[in-house]
N, C-alpha and C. Protein backbone atom coordinates (compact mmCIF):
# COMPACT_ATOMS: atom_id res chain seq x y z
N MET A 1 -7.38 238.60 -22.75
CA MET A 1 -7.56 238.19 -21.38
C MET A 1 -8.79 237.30 -21.30
N ASN A 2 -8.68 236.16 -20.61
CA ASN A 2 -9.78 235.23 -20.47
C ASN A 2 -10.77 235.74 -19.43
N ALA A 3 -12.04 235.55 -19.70
CA ALA A 3 -13.07 235.90 -18.73
C ALA A 3 -13.04 234.88 -17.60
N ARG A 4 -13.33 235.33 -16.40
CA ARG A 4 -13.38 234.42 -15.26
C ARG A 4 -14.60 233.53 -15.39
N PRO A 5 -14.44 232.23 -15.09
CA PRO A 5 -15.60 231.33 -15.20
C PRO A 5 -16.66 231.65 -14.14
N ASP A 6 -17.90 231.40 -14.48
CA ASP A 6 -19.01 231.58 -13.54
C ASP A 6 -19.03 230.37 -12.61
N LEU A 7 -18.79 230.59 -11.33
CA LEU A 7 -18.68 229.50 -10.35
C LEU A 7 -19.96 229.28 -9.56
N THR A 8 -21.06 229.84 -10.02
CA THR A 8 -22.32 229.72 -9.31
C THR A 8 -22.68 228.26 -9.02
N ASN A 9 -22.47 227.37 -9.97
CA ASN A 9 -22.86 225.97 -9.82
C ASN A 9 -21.74 225.09 -9.30
N LEU A 10 -20.60 225.66 -8.91
CA LEU A 10 -19.49 224.84 -8.43
C LEU A 10 -19.87 223.99 -7.22
N PRO A 11 -20.57 224.51 -6.22
CA PRO A 11 -20.97 223.63 -5.10
C PRO A 11 -21.85 222.46 -5.56
N ARG A 12 -22.74 222.69 -6.50
CA ARG A 12 -23.57 221.59 -7.05
C ARG A 12 -22.70 220.55 -7.73
N PHE A 13 -21.68 220.99 -8.47
CA PHE A 13 -20.78 220.05 -9.14
C PHE A 13 -20.03 219.21 -8.13
N LEU A 14 -19.47 219.85 -7.09
CA LEU A 14 -18.71 219.10 -6.09
C LEU A 14 -19.60 218.08 -5.39
N HIS A 15 -20.86 218.45 -5.12
CA HIS A 15 -21.80 217.50 -4.53
C HIS A 15 -22.08 216.36 -5.50
N ARG A 16 -22.33 216.70 -6.74
CA ARG A 16 -22.65 215.70 -7.77
C ARG A 16 -21.48 214.74 -7.97
N LEU A 17 -20.27 215.25 -7.94
CA LEU A 17 -19.08 214.42 -8.11
C LEU A 17 -18.96 213.42 -6.96
N GLY A 18 -19.40 213.81 -5.77
CA GLY A 18 -19.27 212.95 -4.61
C GLY A 18 -20.46 212.07 -4.31
N VAL A 19 -21.50 212.10 -5.15
CA VAL A 19 -22.69 211.29 -4.90
C VAL A 19 -22.31 209.81 -4.91
N ASP A 20 -22.76 209.07 -3.90
CA ASP A 20 -22.36 207.68 -3.71
C ASP A 20 -22.60 206.78 -4.92
N ARG A 21 -23.69 206.97 -5.63
CA ARG A 21 -24.00 206.06 -6.73
C ARG A 21 -22.99 206.16 -7.88
N LEU A 22 -22.16 207.18 -7.86
CA LEU A 22 -21.15 207.30 -8.92
C LEU A 22 -19.90 206.50 -8.61
N GLY A 23 -19.79 205.95 -7.40
CA GLY A 23 -18.66 205.09 -7.06
C GLY A 23 -17.68 205.75 -6.13
N PRO A 24 -16.91 204.93 -5.41
CA PRO A 24 -16.02 205.46 -4.38
C PRO A 24 -14.90 206.35 -4.92
N ARG A 25 -14.40 206.09 -6.09
CA ARG A 25 -13.33 206.92 -6.64
C ARG A 25 -13.82 208.34 -6.84
N ASP A 26 -15.08 208.49 -7.18
CA ASP A 26 -15.62 209.81 -7.44
C ASP A 26 -15.80 210.61 -6.16
N ALA A 27 -16.12 209.93 -5.06
CA ALA A 27 -16.17 210.63 -3.77
C ALA A 27 -14.78 211.14 -3.42
N GLU A 28 -13.76 210.35 -3.71
CA GLU A 28 -12.38 210.78 -3.49
C GLU A 28 -12.03 211.95 -4.40
N ALA A 29 -12.53 211.92 -5.63
CA ALA A 29 -12.28 213.01 -6.57
C ALA A 29 -12.89 214.31 -6.05
N ALA A 30 -14.08 214.22 -5.48
CA ALA A 30 -14.71 215.42 -4.92
C ALA A 30 -13.87 215.97 -3.77
N GLY A 31 -13.32 215.08 -2.94
CA GLY A 31 -12.44 215.51 -1.85
C GLY A 31 -11.17 216.17 -2.36
N LEU A 32 -10.61 215.63 -3.44
CA LEU A 32 -9.41 216.22 -4.04
C LEU A 32 -9.72 217.60 -4.61
N ALA A 33 -10.84 217.74 -5.30
CA ALA A 33 -11.21 219.04 -5.86
C ALA A 33 -11.36 220.07 -4.74
N GLN A 34 -12.02 219.68 -3.66
CA GLN A 34 -12.22 220.60 -2.54
C GLN A 34 -10.88 220.96 -1.89
N ALA A 35 -10.00 219.98 -1.69
CA ALA A 35 -8.68 220.24 -1.09
C ALA A 35 -7.86 221.17 -1.97
N ALA A 36 -7.91 220.96 -3.30
CA ALA A 36 -7.16 221.83 -4.21
C ALA A 36 -7.68 223.26 -4.15
N LEU A 37 -8.99 223.42 -4.12
CA LEU A 37 -9.57 224.76 -4.03
C LEU A 37 -9.16 225.43 -2.71
N GLU A 38 -9.19 224.68 -1.62
CA GLU A 38 -8.79 225.23 -0.32
C GLU A 38 -7.31 225.57 -0.28
N ALA A 39 -6.50 224.86 -1.08
CA ALA A 39 -5.06 225.11 -1.13
C ALA A 39 -4.71 226.26 -2.07
N GLY A 40 -5.73 226.87 -2.68
CA GLY A 40 -5.48 228.03 -3.51
C GLY A 40 -5.29 227.77 -4.98
N TRP A 41 -5.62 226.55 -5.45
CA TRP A 41 -5.55 226.30 -6.89
C TRP A 41 -6.55 227.21 -7.59
N THR A 42 -6.23 227.64 -8.79
CA THR A 42 -7.07 228.55 -9.57
C THR A 42 -8.03 227.76 -10.45
N VAL A 43 -9.28 228.21 -10.49
CA VAL A 43 -10.24 227.62 -11.42
C VAL A 43 -9.92 228.16 -12.79
N GLU A 44 -9.45 227.27 -13.65
CA GLU A 44 -9.08 227.64 -15.02
C GLU A 44 -10.31 227.63 -15.92
N ASP A 45 -11.19 226.65 -15.70
CA ASP A 45 -12.39 226.54 -16.51
C ASP A 45 -13.44 225.76 -15.73
N PHE A 46 -14.68 226.14 -15.87
CA PHE A 46 -15.78 225.41 -15.24
C PHE A 46 -17.02 225.56 -16.10
N ILE A 47 -17.64 224.43 -16.44
CA ILE A 47 -18.91 224.45 -17.16
C ILE A 47 -19.86 223.45 -16.52
N GLY A 48 -21.12 223.73 -16.60
CA GLY A 48 -22.11 222.78 -16.16
C GLY A 48 -23.15 223.41 -15.27
N PRO A 49 -24.25 222.75 -15.17
CA PRO A 49 -24.58 221.58 -15.99
C PRO A 49 -25.07 222.00 -17.37
N VAL A 50 -24.74 221.20 -18.35
CA VAL A 50 -25.27 221.40 -19.69
C VAL A 50 -25.95 220.10 -20.10
N GLN A 51 -26.51 220.09 -21.26
CA GLN A 51 -27.28 218.95 -21.76
C GLN A 51 -26.58 217.62 -21.48
N MET A 52 -27.34 216.61 -21.13
CA MET A 52 -26.86 215.25 -20.85
C MET A 52 -26.01 215.18 -19.58
N ASP A 53 -26.26 216.08 -18.62
CA ASP A 53 -25.57 216.08 -17.33
C ASP A 53 -24.05 216.16 -17.52
N VAL A 54 -23.61 217.12 -18.31
CA VAL A 54 -22.18 217.33 -18.56
C VAL A 54 -21.67 218.46 -17.69
N TRP A 55 -20.57 218.17 -16.98
CA TRP A 55 -19.89 219.13 -16.12
C TRP A 55 -18.40 218.99 -16.37
N SER A 56 -17.65 220.05 -16.17
CA SER A 56 -16.20 219.99 -16.29
C SER A 56 -15.57 221.07 -15.42
N LEU A 57 -14.57 220.68 -14.64
CA LEU A 57 -13.83 221.61 -13.78
C LEU A 57 -12.35 221.40 -14.04
N SER A 58 -11.65 222.48 -14.38
CA SER A 58 -10.20 222.44 -14.56
C SER A 58 -9.56 223.40 -13.57
N LEU A 59 -8.58 222.89 -12.82
CA LEU A 59 -7.86 223.68 -11.82
C LEU A 59 -6.39 223.75 -12.19
N ARG A 60 -5.72 224.84 -11.78
CA ARG A 60 -4.30 225.02 -12.08
C ARG A 60 -3.59 225.61 -10.88
N ARG A 61 -2.35 225.13 -10.70
CA ARG A 61 -1.43 225.75 -9.75
C ARG A 61 -0.04 225.61 -10.35
N GLY A 62 0.51 226.73 -10.79
CA GLY A 62 1.80 226.68 -11.48
C GLY A 62 1.67 225.85 -12.75
N GLU A 63 2.55 224.88 -12.89
CA GLU A 63 2.52 223.99 -14.06
C GLU A 63 1.57 222.81 -13.88
N ARG A 64 1.09 222.61 -12.67
CA ARG A 64 0.23 221.47 -12.39
C ARG A 64 -1.23 221.81 -12.69
N ARG A 65 -1.93 220.85 -13.30
CA ARG A 65 -3.34 221.03 -13.62
C ARG A 65 -4.12 219.77 -13.26
N LEU A 66 -5.36 219.96 -12.84
CA LEU A 66 -6.28 218.88 -12.55
C LEU A 66 -7.55 219.09 -13.36
N ARG A 67 -8.16 218.00 -13.81
CA ARG A 67 -9.42 218.08 -14.52
C ARG A 67 -10.39 217.04 -13.98
N PHE A 68 -11.60 217.49 -13.68
CA PHE A 68 -12.67 216.63 -13.20
C PHE A 68 -13.84 216.78 -14.15
N GLY A 69 -14.52 215.70 -14.46
CA GLY A 69 -15.66 215.81 -15.36
C GLY A 69 -16.73 214.79 -15.08
N ILE A 70 -17.93 215.11 -15.49
CA ILE A 70 -19.07 214.20 -15.42
C ILE A 70 -19.79 214.29 -16.76
N GLU A 71 -20.18 213.14 -17.28
CA GLU A 71 -21.00 213.11 -18.49
C GLU A 71 -22.03 212.01 -18.34
N ARG A 72 -23.29 212.37 -18.58
CA ARG A 72 -24.42 211.44 -18.46
C ARG A 72 -24.45 210.76 -17.09
N GLY A 73 -24.05 211.51 -16.05
CA GLY A 73 -24.12 210.98 -14.70
C GLY A 73 -22.93 210.16 -14.25
N TYR A 74 -21.96 209.96 -15.11
CA TYR A 74 -20.78 209.17 -14.75
C TYR A 74 -19.53 210.04 -14.75
N ALA A 75 -18.74 209.92 -13.70
CA ALA A 75 -17.52 210.71 -13.60
C ALA A 75 -16.44 210.16 -14.52
N ASP A 76 -15.60 211.07 -15.00
CA ASP A 76 -14.53 210.71 -15.94
C ASP A 76 -13.27 210.22 -15.24
N GLY A 77 -13.19 210.35 -13.92
CA GLY A 77 -11.94 210.11 -13.23
C GLY A 77 -11.18 211.42 -13.14
N VAL A 78 -10.08 211.41 -12.43
CA VAL A 78 -9.28 212.62 -12.26
C VAL A 78 -8.14 212.60 -13.25
N ARG A 79 -8.05 213.66 -14.04
CA ARG A 79 -6.95 213.81 -15.01
C ARG A 79 -5.95 214.80 -14.41
N TYR A 80 -4.66 214.52 -14.57
CA TYR A 80 -3.60 215.31 -13.95
C TYR A 80 -2.49 215.55 -14.96
N ASP A 81 -1.98 216.77 -14.95
CA ASP A 81 -0.84 217.14 -15.81
C ASP A 81 0.13 217.95 -14.98
N ASP A 82 1.36 217.44 -14.85
CA ASP A 82 2.39 218.16 -14.11
C ASP A 82 3.41 218.79 -15.05
N GLY A 83 3.00 218.99 -16.30
CA GLY A 83 3.87 219.56 -17.31
C GLY A 83 4.36 218.51 -18.30
N GLY A 84 4.13 217.25 -17.98
CA GLY A 84 4.57 216.17 -18.85
C GLY A 84 3.46 215.53 -19.66
N GLY A 85 2.27 216.09 -19.61
CA GLY A 85 1.14 215.54 -20.36
C GLY A 85 0.08 214.99 -19.42
N TRP A 86 -1.13 214.92 -19.94
CA TRP A 86 -2.27 214.47 -19.14
C TRP A 86 -2.23 212.97 -18.91
N ARG A 87 -2.65 212.55 -17.69
CA ARG A 87 -2.83 211.14 -17.38
C ARG A 87 -3.94 211.02 -16.36
N THR A 88 -4.56 209.85 -16.29
CA THR A 88 -5.60 209.60 -15.32
C THR A 88 -4.97 209.06 -14.04
N LEU A 89 -5.34 209.66 -12.90
CA LEU A 89 -4.81 209.22 -11.62
C LEU A 89 -5.56 207.99 -11.12
N SER A 90 -4.82 207.07 -10.50
CA SER A 90 -5.44 205.92 -9.86
C SER A 90 -6.10 206.38 -8.56
N ALA A 91 -6.92 205.54 -7.97
CA ALA A 91 -7.57 205.87 -6.70
C ALA A 91 -6.52 206.14 -5.62
N ASP A 92 -5.43 205.37 -5.60
CA ASP A 92 -4.36 205.59 -4.61
C ASP A 92 -3.68 206.93 -4.83
N GLU A 93 -3.46 207.30 -6.08
CA GLU A 93 -2.83 208.60 -6.38
C GLU A 93 -3.75 209.76 -5.99
N VAL A 94 -5.05 209.58 -6.22
CA VAL A 94 -6.01 210.61 -5.82
C VAL A 94 -5.96 210.79 -4.31
N ALA A 95 -5.97 209.68 -3.56
CA ALA A 95 -5.94 209.75 -2.10
C ALA A 95 -4.65 210.39 -1.61
N ALA A 96 -3.51 210.04 -2.21
CA ALA A 96 -2.22 210.60 -1.80
C ALA A 96 -2.15 212.10 -2.08
N LEU A 97 -2.62 212.53 -3.23
CA LEU A 97 -2.60 213.95 -3.57
C LEU A 97 -3.54 214.73 -2.66
N THR A 98 -4.71 214.17 -2.35
CA THR A 98 -5.65 214.81 -1.43
C THR A 98 -5.00 214.98 -0.06
N ALA A 99 -4.36 213.93 0.43
CA ALA A 99 -3.70 213.99 1.75
C ALA A 99 -2.60 215.04 1.74
N SER A 100 -1.84 215.12 0.66
CA SER A 100 -0.76 216.09 0.55
C SER A 100 -1.30 217.52 0.58
N LEU A 101 -2.36 217.77 -0.19
CA LEU A 101 -2.95 219.11 -0.22
C LEU A 101 -3.58 219.45 1.12
N SER A 102 -4.24 218.49 1.76
CA SER A 102 -4.86 218.72 3.06
C SER A 102 -3.81 219.03 4.12
N ALA A 103 -2.68 218.33 4.07
CA ALA A 103 -1.59 218.58 5.02
C ALA A 103 -1.02 219.98 4.81
N ASP A 104 -0.89 220.40 3.55
CA ASP A 104 -0.41 221.75 3.26
C ASP A 104 -1.36 222.80 3.83
N ASN A 105 -2.67 222.52 3.76
CA ASN A 105 -3.66 223.46 4.27
C ASN A 105 -3.62 223.57 5.78
N GLU A 106 -3.17 222.52 6.47
CA GLU A 106 -3.16 222.50 7.93
C GLU A 106 -1.82 222.93 8.52
N ARG A 107 -0.79 223.14 7.69
CA ARG A 107 0.54 223.51 8.19
C ARG A 107 0.47 224.86 8.87
N PRO A 108 0.92 224.94 10.13
CA PRO A 108 0.87 226.22 10.84
C PRO A 108 1.90 227.21 10.30
N ALA A 109 1.59 228.48 10.42
CA ALA A 109 2.55 229.51 10.04
C ALA A 109 3.74 229.43 10.99
N GLY A 110 4.91 229.85 10.53
CA GLY A 110 6.10 229.85 11.38
C GLY A 110 6.94 228.60 11.20
N ASP A 111 6.59 227.74 10.25
CA ASP A 111 7.37 226.53 10.02
C ASP A 111 8.35 226.70 8.87
N GLY A 112 8.60 227.95 8.51
CA GLY A 112 9.50 228.21 7.40
C GLY A 112 8.79 228.31 6.07
N GLN A 113 7.52 228.02 6.06
CA GLN A 113 6.73 228.12 4.85
C GLN A 113 5.92 229.40 4.87
N ARG A 114 5.63 229.91 3.70
CA ARG A 114 4.78 231.09 3.60
C ARG A 114 3.38 230.73 4.11
N PRO A 115 2.79 231.53 4.96
CA PRO A 115 1.45 231.24 5.47
C PRO A 115 0.45 231.10 4.32
N ARG A 116 -0.45 230.15 4.47
CA ARG A 116 -1.46 229.92 3.45
C ARG A 116 -2.77 230.57 3.88
N ARG A 117 -3.42 231.16 2.91
CA ARG A 117 -4.72 231.77 3.16
C ARG A 117 -5.79 230.70 3.03
N ARG A 118 -6.57 230.51 4.05
CA ARG A 118 -7.65 229.52 4.04
C ARG A 118 -8.93 230.18 3.57
N ARG A 119 -9.65 229.46 2.75
CA ARG A 119 -10.96 229.92 2.30
C ARG A 119 -11.99 229.47 3.30
N SER A 120 -12.95 230.33 3.58
CA SER A 120 -14.00 229.93 4.52
C SER A 120 -15.27 229.62 3.80
């Protein structure tokens, strides 16, 4: 059985990922990570910060996985695997996936979907 990752520094990572000097795609990546967490994605792995400003966050929901990383102050982009192998998402794909997850989080109960638990 895998040990649960220590999420103490997760808020620092999300802030660091969204810092303006890292570029607009990275601010979108921070929004996607937050939306995925709010939608109930599981933290599969989280490390950071370690030497040379290295951070890594891996999320999973079913067969879908997301990976976010920073090394030496620069974000790696968003990596995505839907069961067919890892690929880097474009800025448009990041925005679309964020919007999709955010819409799922806002869907009211009683619409035929199982109610979603919101994190506060």
